[in-house]
Amino acid sequence: MMPFAALALATNLVTVAADGVPKLNVEPSCKTAGAEGMALGRTTQSCLNDENGARDQLVKDWSTFSAADKNHCLSMVSTGGSPSYVELLSCLEMSRDAKKIAQGRNTNEAQPQEPPPRRRRR
């Protein structure tokens, strides 16, 4: 029964994401991070600032990410713990960048490489 509930939650998030950046409840994880991170200077407010900054960046860039990447990353951040805009943004950026790197490699492999110029001996 538990996997069905997780699937239903992920499906709901994906539906919301089709229209724009989903609403994630990051407060519980930031409160925990603040309580556990006080010795390291990590506060609840600094966590919330990071999350809000990541959400703002997602709002700006949301339309540049593919639907497949949005679905994949939303399911990743909504499974097994508190969701995070920072994690969602990181996942989307890594997916996008990995595709760009792969496309660059495919483009380079398709073009014949010229051998380096030979040096003349004197």
PDB file of N, CA and C in Angstrom:
ATOM      1  N   MET A   1       0.817  -1.187   0.000  1.00  0.00           N
ATOM      2  CA  MET A   1       0.000   0.000   0.000  1.00  0.00           C
ATOM      3  C   MET A   1       0.867   1.258   0.000  1.00  0.00           C
ATOM      4  N   MET A   2       2.007   1.216   0.643  1.00  0.00           N
ATOM      5  CA  MET A   2       2.881   2.381   0.735  1.00  0.00           C
ATOM      6  C   MET A   2       3.400   2.826  -0.634  1.00  0.00           C
ATOM      7  N   PRO A   3       3.870   1.911  -1.520  1.00  0.00           N
ATOM      8  CA  PRO A   3       4.332   2.372  -2.832  1.00  0.00           C
ATOM      9  C   PRO A   3       3.236   3.081  -3.617  1.00  0.00           C
ATOM     10  N   PHE A   4       1.988   2.653  -3.478  1.00  0.00           N
ATOM     11  CA  PHE A   4       0.890   3.309  -4.168  1.00  0.00           C
ATOM     12  C   PHE A   4       0.725   4.742  -3.672  1.00  0.00           C
ATOM     13  N   ALA A   5       0.866   4.954  -2.372  1.00  0.00           N
ATOM     14  CA  ALA A   5       0.744   6.306  -1.813  1.00  0.00           C
ATOM     15  C   ALA A   5       1.856   7.203  -2.339  1.00  0.00           C
ATOM     16  N   ALA A   6       3.076   6.677  -2.410  1.00  0.00           N
ATOM     17  CA  ALA A   6       4.201   7.456  -2.942  1.00  0.00           C
ATOM     18  C   ALA A   6       3.976   7.788  -4.408  1.00  0.00           C
ATOM     19  N   LEU A   7       3.454   6.822  -5.157  1.00  0.00           N
ATOM     20  CA  LEU A   7       3.164   7.053  -6.564  1.00  0.00           C
ATOM     21  C   LEU A   7       2.084   8.112  -6.724  1.00  0.00           C
ATOM     22  N   ALA A   8       1.074   8.059  -5.896  1.00  0.00           N
ATOM     23  CA  ALA A   8      -0.002   9.049  -5.962  1.00  0.00           C
ATOM     24  C   ALA A   8       0.533  10.441  -5.645  1.00  0.00           C
ATOM     25  N   LEU A   9       1.410  10.550  -4.650  1.00  0.00           N
ATOM     26  CA  LEU A   9       2.011  11.830  -4.301  1.00  0.00           C
ATOM     27  C   LEU A   9       2.841  12.350  -5.453  1.00  0.00           C
ATOM     28  N   ALA A  10       3.681  11.509  -6.026  1.00  0.00           N
ATOM     29  CA  ALA A  10       4.523  11.925  -7.148  1.00  0.00           C
ATOM     30  C   ALA A  10       3.672  12.337  -8.338  1.00  0.00           C
ATOM     31  N   THR A  11       2.595  11.614  -8.593  1.00  0.00           N
ATOM     32  CA  THR A  11       1.706  11.950  -9.696  1.00  0.00           C
ATOM     33  C   THR A  11       1.078  13.317  -9.471  1.00  0.00           C
ATOM     34  N   ASN A  12       0.658  13.601  -8.241  1.00  0.00           N
ATOM     35  CA  ASN A  12       0.110  14.915  -7.927  1.00  0.00           C
ATOM     36  C   ASN A  12       1.124  16.017  -8.166  1.00  0.00           C
ATOM     37  N   LEU A  13       2.355  15.819  -7.741  1.00  0.00           N
ATOM     38  CA  LEU A  13       3.390  16.822  -7.945  1.00  0.00           C
ATOM     39  C   LEU A  13       3.661  17.049  -9.421  1.00  0.00           C
ATOM     40  N   VAL A  14       3.669  15.986 -10.207  1.00  0.00           N
ATOM     41  CA  VAL A  14       3.915  16.104 -11.637  1.00  0.00           C
ATOM     42  C   VAL A  14       2.799  16.899 -12.298  1.00  0.00           C
ATOM     43  N   THR A  15       1.568  16.674 -11.884  1.00  0.00           N
ATOM     44  CA  THR A  15       0.438  17.409 -12.447  1.00  0.00           C
ATOM     45  C   THR A  15       0.575  18.894 -12.158  1.00  0.00           C
ATOM     46  N   VAL A  16       0.932  19.227 -10.948  1.00  0.00           N
ATOM     47  CA  VAL A  16       1.129  20.619 -10.587  1.00  0.00           C
ATOM     48  C   VAL A  16       2.294  21.204 -11.387  1.00  0.00           C
ATOM     49  N   ALA A  17       3.342  20.416 -11.595  1.00  0.00           N
ATOM     50  CA  ALA A  17       4.542  20.909 -12.261  1.00  0.00           C
ATOM     51  C   ALA A  17       4.314  21.236 -13.723  1.00  0.00           C
ATOM     52  N   ALA A  18       3.305  20.663 -14.337  1.00  0.00           N
ATOM     53  CA  ALA A  18       3.042  20.935 -15.743  1.00  0.00           C
ATOM     54  C   ALA A  18       2.733  22.414 -15.953  1.00  0.00           C
ATOM     55  N   ASP A  19       2.133  23.048 -14.958  1.00  0.00           N
ATOM     56  CA  ASP A  19       1.768  24.457 -15.065  1.00  0.00           C
ATOM     57  C   ASP A  19       2.858  25.398 -14.558  1.00  0.00           C
ATOM     58  N   GLY A  20       3.680  24.945 -13.691  1.00  0.00           N
ATOM     59  CA  GLY A  20       4.717  25.801 -13.130  1.00  0.00           C
ATOM     60  C   GLY A  20       5.429  25.090 -12.000  1.00  0.00           C
ATOM     61  N   VAL A  21       6.273  25.826 -11.325  1.00  0.00           N
ATOM     62  CA  VAL A  21       7.050  25.261 -10.224  1.00  0.00           C
ATOM     63  C   VAL A  21       6.091  24.780  -9.137  1.00  0.00           C
ATOM     64  N   PRO A  22       6.263  23.532  -8.681  1.00  0.00           N
ATOM     65  CA  PRO A  22       5.353  23.004  -7.657  1.00  0.00           C
ATOM     66  C   PRO A  22       5.590  23.673  -6.308  1.00  0.00           C
ATOM     67  N   LYS A  23       4.588  23.614  -5.475  1.00  0.00           N
ATOM     68  CA  LYS A  23       4.697  24.134  -4.112  1.00  0.00           C
ATOM     69  C   LYS A  23       5.209  23.017  -3.232  1.00  0.00           C
ATOM     70  N   LEU A  24       6.387  23.212  -2.658  1.00  0.00           N
ATOM     71  CA  LEU A  24       6.974  22.213  -1.768  1.00  0.00           C
ATOM     72  C   LEU A  24       6.977  22.747  -0.342  1.00  0.00           C
ATOM     73  N   ASN A  25       6.734  21.884   0.614  1.00  0.00           N
ATOM     74  CA  ASN A  25       6.768  22.266   2.021  1.00  0.00           C
ATOM     75  C   ASN A  25       8.176  21.994   2.550  1.00  0.00           C
ATOM     76  N   VAL A  26       9.013  23.020   2.558  1.00  0.00           N
ATOM     77  CA  VAL A  26      10.408  22.859   2.967  1.00  0.00           C
ATOM     78  C   VAL A  26      10.639  23.217   4.432  1.00  0.00           C
ATOM     79  N   GLU A  27       9.631  23.758   5.104  1.00  0.00           N
ATOM     80  CA  GLU A  27       9.805  24.191   6.491  1.00  0.00           C
ATOM     81  C   GLU A  27      10.211  23.076   7.446  1.00  0.00           C
ATOM     82  N   PRO A  28       9.580  21.892   7.390  1.00  0.00           N
ATOM     83  CA  PRO A  28       9.992  20.850   8.342  1.00  0.00           C
ATOM     84  C   PRO A  28      11.470  20.469   8.212  1.00  0.00           C
ATOM     85  N   SER A  29      11.959  20.325   6.998  1.00  0.00           N
ATOM     86  CA  SER A  29      13.367  19.942   6.843  1.00  0.00           C
ATOM     87  C   SER A  29      14.284  21.087   7.247  1.00  0.00           C
ATOM     88  N   CYS A  30      13.881  22.338   7.021  1.00  0.00           N
ATOM     89  CA  CYS A  30      14.711  23.467   7.441  1.00  0.00           C
ATOM     90  C   CYS A  30      14.741  23.613   8.958  1.00  0.00           C
ATOM     91  N   LYS A  31      13.619  23.315   9.603  1.00  0.00           N
ATOM     92  CA  LYS A  31      13.615  23.354  11.069  1.00  0.00           C
ATOM     93  C   LYS A  31      14.552  22.288  11.631  1.00  0.00           C
ATOM     94  N   THR A  32      14.527  21.112  11.030  1.00  0.00           N
ATOM     95  CA  THR A  32      15.427  20.037  11.458  1.00  0.00           C
ATOM     96  C   THR A  32      16.877  20.415  11.182  1.00  0.00           C
ATOM     97  N   ALA A  33      17.128  20.946  10.005  1.00  0.00           N
ATOM     98  CA  ALA A  33      18.493  21.352   9.654  1.00  0.00           C
ATOM     99  C   ALA A  33      18.999  22.438  10.592  1.00  0.00           C
ATOM    100  N   GLY A  34      18.117  23.364  10.963  1.00  0.00           N
ATOM    101  CA  GLY A  34      18.500  24.430  11.884  1.00  0.00           C
ATOM    102  C   GLY A  34      18.810  23.908  13.267  1.00  0.00           C
ATOM    103  N   ALA A  35      18.011  22.965  13.737  1.00  0.00           N
ATOM    104  CA  ALA A  35      18.229  22.401  15.073  1.00  0.00           C
ATOM    105  C   ALA A  35      19.508  21.587  15.120  1.00  0.00           C
ATOM    106  N   GLU A  36      19.778  20.839  14.063  1.00  0.00           N
ATOM    107  CA  GLU A  36      20.958  19.973  14.039  1.00  0.00           C
ATOM    108  C   GLU A  36      22.220  20.707  13.595  1.00  0.00           C
ATOM    109  N   GLY A  37      22.068  21.830  12.920  1.00  0.00           N
ATOM    110  CA  GLY A  37      23.228  22.504  12.349  1.00  0.00           C
ATOM    111  C   GLY A  37      23.690  23.738  13.090  1.00  0.00           C
ATOM    112  N   MET A  38      23.160  23.990  14.261  1.00  0.00           N
ATOM    113  CA  MET A  38      23.523  25.198  15.006  1.00  0.00           C
ATOM    114  C   MET A  38      25.020  25.289  15.261  1.00  0.00           C
ATOM    115  N   ALA A  39      25.664  24.187  15.559  1.00  0.00           N
ATOM    116  CA  ALA A  39      27.102  24.203  15.835  1.00  0.00           C
ATOM    117  C   ALA A  39      27.899  24.605  14.592  1.00  0.00           C
ATOM    118  N   LEU A  40      27.346  24.344  13.411  1.00  0.00           N
ATOM    119  CA  LEU A  40      28.028  24.672  12.159  1.00  0.00           C
ATOM    120  C   LEU A  40      27.592  26.021  11.596  1.00  0.00           C
ATOM    121  N   GLY A  41      26.743  26.729  12.330  1.00  0.00           N
ATOM    122  CA  GLY A  41      26.263  28.024  11.874  1.00  0.00           C
ATOM    123  C   GLY A  41      25.111  27.933  10.899  1.00  0.00           C
ATOM    124  N   ARG A  42      24.541  26.765  10.770  1.00  0.00           N
ATOM    125  CA  ARG A  42      23.396  26.551   9.873  1.00  0.00           C
ATOM    126  C   ARG A  42      22.131  26.757  10.682  1.00  0.00           C
ATOM    127  N   THR A  43      21.333  27.743  10.293  1.00  0.00           N
ATOM    128  CA  THR A  43      20.101  28.029  11.009  1.00  0.00           C
ATOM    129  C   THR A  43      18.895  27.694  10.138  1.00  0.00           C
ATOM    130  N   THR A  44      17.744  27.670  10.774  1.00  0.00           N
ATOM    131  CA  THR A  44      16.508  27.458  10.029  1.00  0.00           C
ATOM    132  C   THR A  44      16.351  28.548   8.974  1.00  0.00           C
ATOM    133  N   GLN A  45      16.666  29.782   9.345  1.00  0.00           N
ATOM    134  CA  GLN A  45      16.501  30.897   8.412  1.00  0.00           C
ATOM    135  C   GLN A  45      17.466  30.794   7.231  1.00  0.00           C
ATOM    136  N   SER A  46      18.700  30.369   7.472  1.00  0.00           N
ATOM    137  CA  SER A  46      19.640  30.236   6.346  1.00  0.00           C
ATOM    138  C   SER A  46      19.186  29.133   5.393  1.00  0.00           C
ATOM    139  N   CYS A  47      18.617  28.071   5.937  1.00  0.00           N
ATOM    140  CA  CYS A  47      18.063  27.003   5.108  1.00  0.00           C
ATOM    141  C   CYS A  47      16.900  27.529   4.276  1.00  0.00           C
ATOM    142  N   LEU A  48      15.987  28.266   4.909  1.00  0.00           N
ATOM    143  CA  LEU A  48      14.843  28.829   4.193  1.00  0.00           C
ATOM    144  C   LEU A  48      15.296  29.811   3.113  1.00  0.00           C
ATOM    145  N   ASN A  49      16.347  30.585   3.409  1.00  0.00           N
ATOM    146  CA  ASN A  49      16.894  31.506   2.404  1.00  0.00           C
ATOM    147  C   ASN A  49      17.407  30.740   1.190  1.00  0.00           C
ATOM    148  N   ASP A  50      18.123  29.641   1.432  1.00  0.00           N
ATOM    149  CA  ASP A  50      18.624  28.808   0.328  1.00  0.00           C
ATOM    150  C   ASP A  50      17.467  28.237  -0.482  1.00  0.00           C
ATOM    151  N   GLU A  51      16.454  27.736   0.204  1.00  0.00           N
ATOM    152  CA  GLU A  51      15.297  27.146  -0.476  1.00  0.00           C
ATOM    153  C   GLU A  51      14.550  28.196  -1.300  1.00  0.00           C
ATOM    154  N   ASN A  52      14.364  29.389  -0.732  1.00  0.00           N
ATOM    155  CA  ASN A  52      13.668  30.452  -1.461  1.00  0.00           C
ATOM    156  C   ASN A  52      14.479  30.926  -2.673  1.00  0.00           C
ATOM    157  N   GLY A  53      15.794  30.985  -2.526  1.00  0.00           N
ATOM    158  CA  GLY A  53      16.651  31.347  -3.659  1.00  0.00           C
ATOM    159  C   GLY A  53      16.572  30.323  -4.771  1.00  0.00           C
ATOM    160  N   ALA A  54      16.558  29.051  -4.394  1.00  0.00           N
ATOM    161  CA  ALA A  54      16.448  27.986  -5.393  1.00  0.00           C
ATOM    162  C   ALA A  54      15.078  28.038  -6.063  1.00  0.00           C
ATOM    163  N   ARG A  55      14.030  28.316  -5.297  1.00  0.00           N
ATOM    164  CA  ARG A  55      12.688  28.415  -5.890  1.00  0.00           C
ATOM    165  C   ARG A  55      12.619  29.582  -6.871  1.00  0.00           C
ATOM    166  N   ASP A  56      13.199  30.712  -6.508  1.00  0.00           N
ATOM    167  CA  ASP A  56      13.223  31.869  -7.413  1.00  0.00           C
ATOM    168  C   ASP A  56      13.932  31.522  -8.722  1.00  0.00           C
ATOM    169  N   GLN A  57      15.041  30.794  -8.618  1.00  0.00           N
ATOM    170  CA  GLN A  57      15.772  30.384  -9.825  1.00  0.00           C
ATOM    171  C   GLN A  57      14.944  29.409 -10.657  1.00  0.00           C
ATOM    172  N   LEU A  58      14.229  28.509  -9.990  1.00  0.00           N
ATOM    173  CA  LEU A  58      13.357  27.578 -10.708  1.00  0.00           C
ATOM    174  C   LEU A  58      12.250  28.318 -11.456  1.00  0.00           C
ATOM    175  N   VAL A  59      11.683  29.347 -10.834  1.00  0.00           N
ATOM    176  CA  VAL A  59      10.638  30.131 -11.492  1.00  0.00           C
ATOM    177  C   VAL A  59      11.191  30.736 -12.780  1.00  0.00           C
ATOM    178  N   LYS A  60      12.411  31.255 -12.730  1.00  0.00           N
ATOM    179  CA  LYS A  60      13.032  31.864 -13.913  1.00  0.00           C
ATOM    180  C   LYS A  60      13.320  30.836 -15.006  1.00  0.00           C
ATOM    181  N   ASP A  61      13.800  29.655 -14.613  1.00  0.00           N
ATOM    182  CA  ASP A  61      14.312  28.676 -15.577  1.00  0.00           C
ATOM    183  C   ASP A  61      13.342  27.540 -15.900  1.00  0.00           C
ATOM    184  N   TRP A  62      12.186  27.482 -15.254  1.00  0.00           N
ATOM    185  CA  TRP A  62      11.294  26.334 -15.338  1.00  0.00           C
ATOM    186  C   TRP A  62      11.001  25.916 -16.778  1.00  0.00           C
ATOM    187  N   SER A  63      10.739  26.885 -17.641  1.00  0.00           N
ATOM    188  CA  SER A  63      10.354  26.562 -19.018  1.00  0.00           C
ATOM    189  C   SER A  63      11.523  26.008 -19.831  1.00  0.00           C
ATOM    190  N   THR A  64      12.743  26.141 -19.342  1.00  0.00           N
ATOM    191  CA  THR A  64      13.912  25.650 -20.088  1.00  0.00           C
ATOM    192  C   THR A  64      14.193  24.174 -19.835  1.00  0.00           C
ATOM    193  N   PHE A  65      13.557  23.592 -18.832  1.00  0.00           N
ATOM    194  CA  PHE A  65      13.788  22.193 -18.509  1.00  0.00           C
ATOM    195  C   PHE A  65      12.775  21.317 -19.234  1.00  0.00           C
ATOM    196  N   SER A  66      13.214  20.146 -19.664  1.00  0.00           N
ATOM    197  CA  SER A  66      12.321  19.242 -20.388  1.00  0.00           C
ATOM    198  C   SER A  66      11.288  18.640 -19.435  1.00  0.00           C
ATOM    199  N   ALA A  67      10.152  18.268 -20.008  1.00  0.00           N
ATOM    200  CA  ALA A  67       9.091  17.638 -19.210  1.00  0.00           C
ATOM    201  C   ALA A  67       9.585  16.333 -18.585  1.00  0.00           C
ATOM    202  N   ALA A  68      10.387  15.575 -19.334  1.00  0.00           N
ATOM    203  CA  ALA A  68      10.913  14.305 -18.810  1.00  0.00           C
ATOM    204  C   ALA A  68      11.813  14.555 -17.605  1.00  0.00           C
ATOM    205  N   ASP A  69      12.660  15.579 -17.682  1.00  0.00           N
ATOM    206  CA  ASP A  69      13.542  15.893 -16.553  1.00  0.00           C
ATOM    207  C   ASP A  69      12.729  16.379 -15.357  1.00  0.00           C
ATOM    208  N   LYS A  70      11.708  17.194 -15.598  1.00  0.00           N
ATOM    209  CA  LYS A  70      10.854  17.663 -14.498  1.00  0.00           C
ATOM    210  C   LYS A  70      10.194  16.478 -13.798  1.00  0.00           C
ATOM    211  N   ASN A  71       9.635  15.563 -14.579  1.00  0.00           N
ATOM    212  CA  ASN A  71       8.972  14.391 -13.994  1.00  0.00           C
ATOM    213  C   ASN A  71       9.956  13.558 -13.188  1.00  0.00           C
ATOM    214  N   HIS A  72      11.123  13.298 -13.774  1.00  0.00           N
ATOM    215  CA  HIS A  72      12.149  12.486 -13.092  1.00  0.00           C
ATOM    216  C   HIS A  72      12.590  13.155 -11.791  1.00  0.00           C
ATOM    217  N   CYS A  73      12.945  14.423 -11.865  1.00  0.00           N
ATOM    218  CA  CYS A  73      13.482  15.110 -10.687  1.00  0.00           C
ATOM    219  C   CYS A  73      12.423  15.309  -9.605  1.00  0.00           C
ATOM    220  N   LEU A  74      11.189  15.575 -10.006  1.00  0.00           N
ATOM    221  CA  LEU A  74      10.123  15.703  -9.010  1.00  0.00           C
ATOM    222  C   LEU A  74       9.894  14.395  -8.272  1.00  0.00           C
ATOM    223  N   SER A  75       9.962  13.285  -9.001  1.00  0.00           N
ATOM    224  CA  SER A  75       9.771  12.001  -8.327  1.00  0.00           C
ATOM    225  C   SER A  75      10.942  11.713  -7.390  1.00  0.00           C
ATOM    226  N   MET A  76      12.140  12.157  -7.775  1.00  0.00           N
ATOM    227  CA  MET A  76      13.319  11.944  -6.923  1.00  0.00           C
ATOM    228  C   MET A  76      13.218  12.735  -5.619  1.00  0.00           C
ATOM    229  N   VAL A  77      12.856  14.009  -5.701  1.00  0.00           N
ATOM    230  CA  VAL A  77      12.839  14.838  -4.490  1.00  0.00           C
ATOM    231  C   VAL A  77      11.610  14.612  -3.620  1.00  0.00           C
ATOM    232  N   SER A  78      10.600  13.941  -4.143  1.00  0.00           N
ATOM    233  CA  SER A  78       9.393  13.728  -3.346  1.00  0.00           C
ATOM    234  C   SER A  78       9.335  12.329  -2.739  1.00  0.00           C
ATOM    235  N   THR A  79      10.389  11.549  -2.929  1.00  0.00           N
ATOM    236  CA  THR A  79      10.412  10.188  -2.416  1.00  0.00           C
ATOM    237  C   THR A  79      11.386  10.083  -1.252  1.00  0.00           C
ATOM    238  N   GLY A  80      10.927   9.562  -0.142  1.00  0.00           N
ATOM    239  CA  GLY A  80      11.809   9.213   0.955  1.00  0.00           C
ATOM    240  C   GLY A  80      12.220  10.315   1.892  1.00  0.00           C
ATOM    241  N   GLY A  81      11.594  11.440   1.866  1.00  0.00           N
ATOM    242  CA  GLY A  81      11.959  12.493   2.796  1.00  0.00           C
ATOM    243  C   GLY A  81      11.290  13.795   2.422  1.00  0.00           C
ATOM    244  N   SER A  82      11.712  14.855   3.077  1.00  0.00           N
ATOM    245  CA  SER A  82      11.132  16.164   2.808  1.00  0.00           C
ATOM    246  C   SER A  82      11.633  16.682   1.466  1.00  0.00           C
ATOM    247  N   PRO A  83      10.735  17.228   0.648  1.00  0.00           N
ATOM    248  CA  PRO A  83      11.163  17.756  -0.649  1.00  0.00           C
ATOM    249  C   PRO A  83      11.976  19.040  -0.469  1.00  0.00           C
ATOM    250  N   SER A  84      12.773  19.358  -1.487  1.00  0.00           N
ATOM    251  CA  SER A  84      13.660  20.507  -1.400  1.00  0.00           C
ATOM    252  C   SER A  84      13.789  21.174  -2.764  1.00  0.00           C
ATOM    253  N   TYR A  85      13.622  22.486  -2.797  1.00  0.00           N
ATOM    254  CA  TYR A  85      13.839  23.231  -4.039  1.00  0.00           C
ATOM    255  C   TYR A  85      15.303  23.182  -4.450  1.00  0.00           C
ATOM    256  N   VAL A  86      16.204  23.192  -3.482  1.00  0.00           N
ATOM    257  CA  VAL A  86      17.635  23.118  -3.789  1.00  0.00           C
ATOM    258  C   VAL A  86      17.939  21.799  -4.498  1.00  0.00           C
ATOM    259  N   GLU A  87      17.405  20.699  -3.981  1.00  0.00           N
ATOM    260  CA  GLU A  87      17.627  19.394  -4.610  1.00  0.00           C
ATOM    261  C   GLU A  87      16.966  19.321  -5.984  1.00  0.00           C
ATOM    262  N   LEU A  88      15.774  19.882  -6.113  1.00  0.00           N
ATOM    263  CA  LEU A  88      15.073  19.883  -7.396  1.00  0.00           C
ATOM    264  C   LEU A  88      15.862  20.670  -8.438  1.00  0.00           C
ATOM    265  N   LEU A  89      16.326  21.853  -8.070  1.00  0.00           N
ATOM    266  CA  LEU A  89      17.117  22.668  -8.988  1.00  0.00           C
ATOM    267  C   LEU A  89      18.405  21.959  -9.378  1.00  0.00           C
ATOM    268  N   SER A  90      19.089  21.369  -8.419  1.00  0.00           N
ATOM    269  CA  SER A  90      20.337  20.647  -8.700  1.00  0.00           C
ATOM    270  C   SER A  90      20.093  19.493  -9.660  1.00  0.00           C
ATOM    271  N   CYS A  91      19.038  18.728  -9.427  1.00  0.00           N
ATOM    272  CA  CYS A  91      18.709  17.592 -10.286  1.00  0.00           C
ATOM    273  C   CYS A  91      18.433  18.061 -11.712  1.00  0.00           C
ATOM    274  N   LEU A  92      17.617  19.108 -11.847  1.00  0.00           N
ATOM    275  CA  LEU A  92      17.272  19.611 -13.184  1.00  0.00           C
ATOM    276  C   LEU A  92      18.490  20.154 -13.915  1.00  0.00           C
ATOM    277  N   GLU A  93      19.337  20.896 -13.206  1.00  0.00           N
ATOM    278  CA  GLU A  93      20.538  21.451 -13.843  1.00  0.00           C
ATOM    279  C   GLU A  93      21.506  20.348 -14.268  1.00  0.00           C
ATOM    280  N   MET A  94      21.674  19.338 -13.413  1.00  0.00           N
ATOM    281  CA  MET A  94      22.570  18.235 -13.769  1.00  0.00           C
ATOM    282  C   MET A  94      22.047  17.457 -14.966  1.00  0.00           C
ATOM    283  N   SER A  95      20.749  17.216 -15.008  1.00  0.00           N
ATOM    284  CA  SER A  95      20.157  16.500 -16.140  1.00  0.00           C
ATOM    285  C   SER A  95      20.351  17.286 -17.426  1.00  0.00           C
ATOM    286  N   ARG A  96      20.078  18.584 -17.369  1.00  0.00           N
ATOM    287  CA  ARG A  96      20.241  19.448 -18.541  1.00  0.00           C
ATOM    288  C   ARG A  96      21.700  19.474 -19.001  1.00  0.00           C
ATOM    289  N   ASP A  97      22.610  19.652 -18.067  1.00  0.00           N
ATOM    290  CA  ASP A  97      24.027  19.752 -18.405  1.00  0.00           C
ATOM    291  C   ASP A  97      24.578  18.436 -18.933  1.00  0.00           C
ATOM    292  N   ALA A  98      24.122  17.324 -18.391  1.00  0.00           N
ATOM    293  CA  ALA A  98      24.566  16.011 -18.874  1.00  0.00           C
ATOM    294  C   ALA A  98      24.139  15.809 -20.323  1.00  0.00           C
ATOM    295  N   LYS A  99      22.938  16.257 -20.660  1.00  0.00           N
ATOM    296  CA  LYS A  99      22.474  16.150 -22.049  1.00  0.00           C
ATOM    297  C   LYS A  99      23.329  17.007 -22.975  1.00  0.00           C
ATOM    298  N   LYS A 100      23.676  18.214 -22.518  1.00  0.00           N
ATOM    299  CA  LYS A 100      24.520  19.092 -23.339  1.00  0.00           C
ATOM    300  C   LYS A 100      25.885  18.460 -23.578  1.00  0.00           C
ATOM    301  N   ILE A 101      26.458  17.864 -22.549  1.00  0.00           N
ATOM    302  CA  ILE A 101      27.763  17.209 -22.685  1.00  0.00           C
ATOM    303  C   ILE A 101      27.653  16.044 -23.653  1.00  0.00           C
ATOM    304  N   ALA A 102      26.604  15.239 -23.513  1.00  0.00           N
ATOM    305  CA  ALA A 102      26.412  14.095 -24.405  1.00  0.00           C
ATOM    306  C   ALA A 102      26.214  14.553 -25.848  1.00  0.00           C
ATOM    307  N   GLN A 103      25.467  15.629 -26.049  1.00  0.00           N
ATOM    308  CA  GLN A 103      25.269  16.146 -27.405  1.00  0.00           C
ATOM    309  C   GLN A 103      26.584  16.637 -27.988  1.00  0.00           C
ATOM    310  N   GLY A 104      27.404  17.274 -27.178  1.00  0.00           N
ATOM    311  CA  GLY A 104      28.709  17.750 -27.638  1.00  0.00           C
ATOM    312  C   GLY A 104      29.606  16.600 -28.049  1.00  0.00           C
ATOM    313  N   ARG A 105      29.576  15.531 -27.292  1.00  0.00           N
ATOM    314  CA  ARG A 105      30.377  14.346 -27.631  1.00  0.00           C
ATOM    315  C   ARG A 105      29.878  13.717 -28.921  1.00  0.00           C
ATOM    316  N   ASN A 106      28.572  13.617 -29.064  1.00  0.00           N
ATOM    317  CA  ASN A 106      28.014  13.043 -30.287  1.00  0.00           C
ATOM    318  C   ASN A 106      28.364  13.897 -31.499  1.00  0.00           C
ATOM    319  N   THR A 107      28.331  15.207 -31.355  1.00  0.00           N
ATOM    320  CA  THR A 107      28.680  16.104 -32.447  1.00  0.00           C
ATOM    321  C   THR A 107      30.148  15.947 -32.812  1.00  0.00           C
ATOM    322  N   ASN A 108      31.010  15.870 -31.808  1.00  0.00           N
ATOM    323  CA  ASN A 108      32.450  15.718 -32.059  1.00  0.00           C
ATOM    324  C   ASN A 108      32.774  14.368 -32.677  1.00  0.00           C
ATOM    325  N   GLU A 109      32.067  13.327 -32.255  1.00  0.00           N
ATOM    326  CA  GLU A 109      32.320  11.994 -32.802  1.00  0.00           C
ATOM    327  C   GLU A 109      31.861  11.896 -34.252  1.00  0.00           C
ATOM    328  N   ALA A 110      30.837  12.658 -34.612  1.00  0.00           N
ATOM    329  CA  ALA A 110      30.314  12.601 -35.978  1.00  0.00           C
ATOM    330  C   ALA A 110      31.228  13.314 -36.964  1.00  0.00           C
ATOM    331  N   GLN A 111      32.011  14.273 -36.478  1.00  0.00           N
ATOM    332  CA  GLN A 111      32.906  15.013 -37.357  1.00  0.00           C
ATOM    333  C   GLN A 111      34.277  14.344 -37.365  1.00  0.00           C
ATOM    334  N   PRO A 112      34.856  14.174 -38.577  1.00  0.00           N
ATOM    335  CA  PRO A 112      36.186  13.568 -38.624  1.00  0.00           C
ATOM    336  C   PRO A 112      37.212  14.501 -37.990  1.00  0.00           C
ATOM    337  N   GLN A 113      38.082  13.909 -37.237  1.00  0.00           N
ATOM    338  CA  GLN A 113      39.128  14.668 -36.571  1.00  0.00           C
ATOM    339  C   GLN A 113      40.351  14.772 -37.477  1.00  0.00           C
ATOM    340  N   GLU A 114      40.878  15.969 -37.625  1.00  0.00           N
ATOM    341  CA  GLU A 114      42.101  16.139 -38.400  1.00  0.00           C
ATOM    342  C   GLU A 114      43.280  15.822 -37.496  1.00  0.00           C
ATOM    343  N   PRO A 115      44.295  15.136 -38.065  1.00  0.00           N
ATOM    344  CA  PRO A 115      45.481  14.858 -37.251  1.00  0.00           C
ATOM    345  C   PRO A 115      46.202  16.172 -36.946  1.00  0.00           C
ATOM    346  N   PRO A 116      46.927  16.219 -35.843  1.00  0.00           N
ATOM    347  CA  PRO A 116      47.660  17.429 -35.527  1.00  0.00           C
ATOM    348  C   PRO A 116      48.721  17.695 -36.600  1.00  0.00           C
ATOM    349  N   PRO A 117      49.051  18.957 -36.820  1.00  0.00           N
ATOM    350  CA  PRO A 117      50.051  19.263 -37.856  1.00  0.00           C
ATOM    351  C   PRO A 117      51.405  18.661 -37.468  1.00  0.00           C
ATOM    352  N   ARG A 118      52.125  18.211 -38.506  1.00  0.00           N
ATOM    353  CA  ARG A 118      53.440  17.629 -38.268  1.00  0.00           C
ATOM    354  C   ARG A 118      54.477  18.733 -38.222  1.00  0.00           C
ATOM    355  N   ARG A 119      55.402  18.567 -37.351  1.00  0.00           N
ATOM    356  CA  ARG A 119      56.484  19.555 -37.238  1.00  0.00           C
ATOM    357  C   ARG A 119      57.629  19.139 -38.132  1.00  0.00           C
ATOM    358  N   ARG A 120      58.211  20.101 -38.720  1.00  0.00           N
ATOM    359  CA  ARG A 120      59.393  19.844 -39.555  1.00  0.00           C
ATOM    360  C   ARG A 120      60.621  19.758 -38.671  1.00  0.00           C
ATOM    361  N   ARG A 121      61.464  18.863 -39.016  1.00  0.00           N
ATOM    362  CA  ARG A 121      62.746  18.769 -38.300  1.00  0.00           C
ATOM    363  C   ARG A 121      63.728  19.714 -38.938  1.00  0.00           C
ATOM    364  N   ARG A 122      64.530  20.314 -38.174  1.00  0.00           N
ATOM    365  CA  ARG A 122      65.537  21.230 -38.693  1.00  0.00           C
ATOM    366  C   ARG A 122      66.892  20.616 -38.680  1.00  0.00           C
TER     367      ARG A 122
END
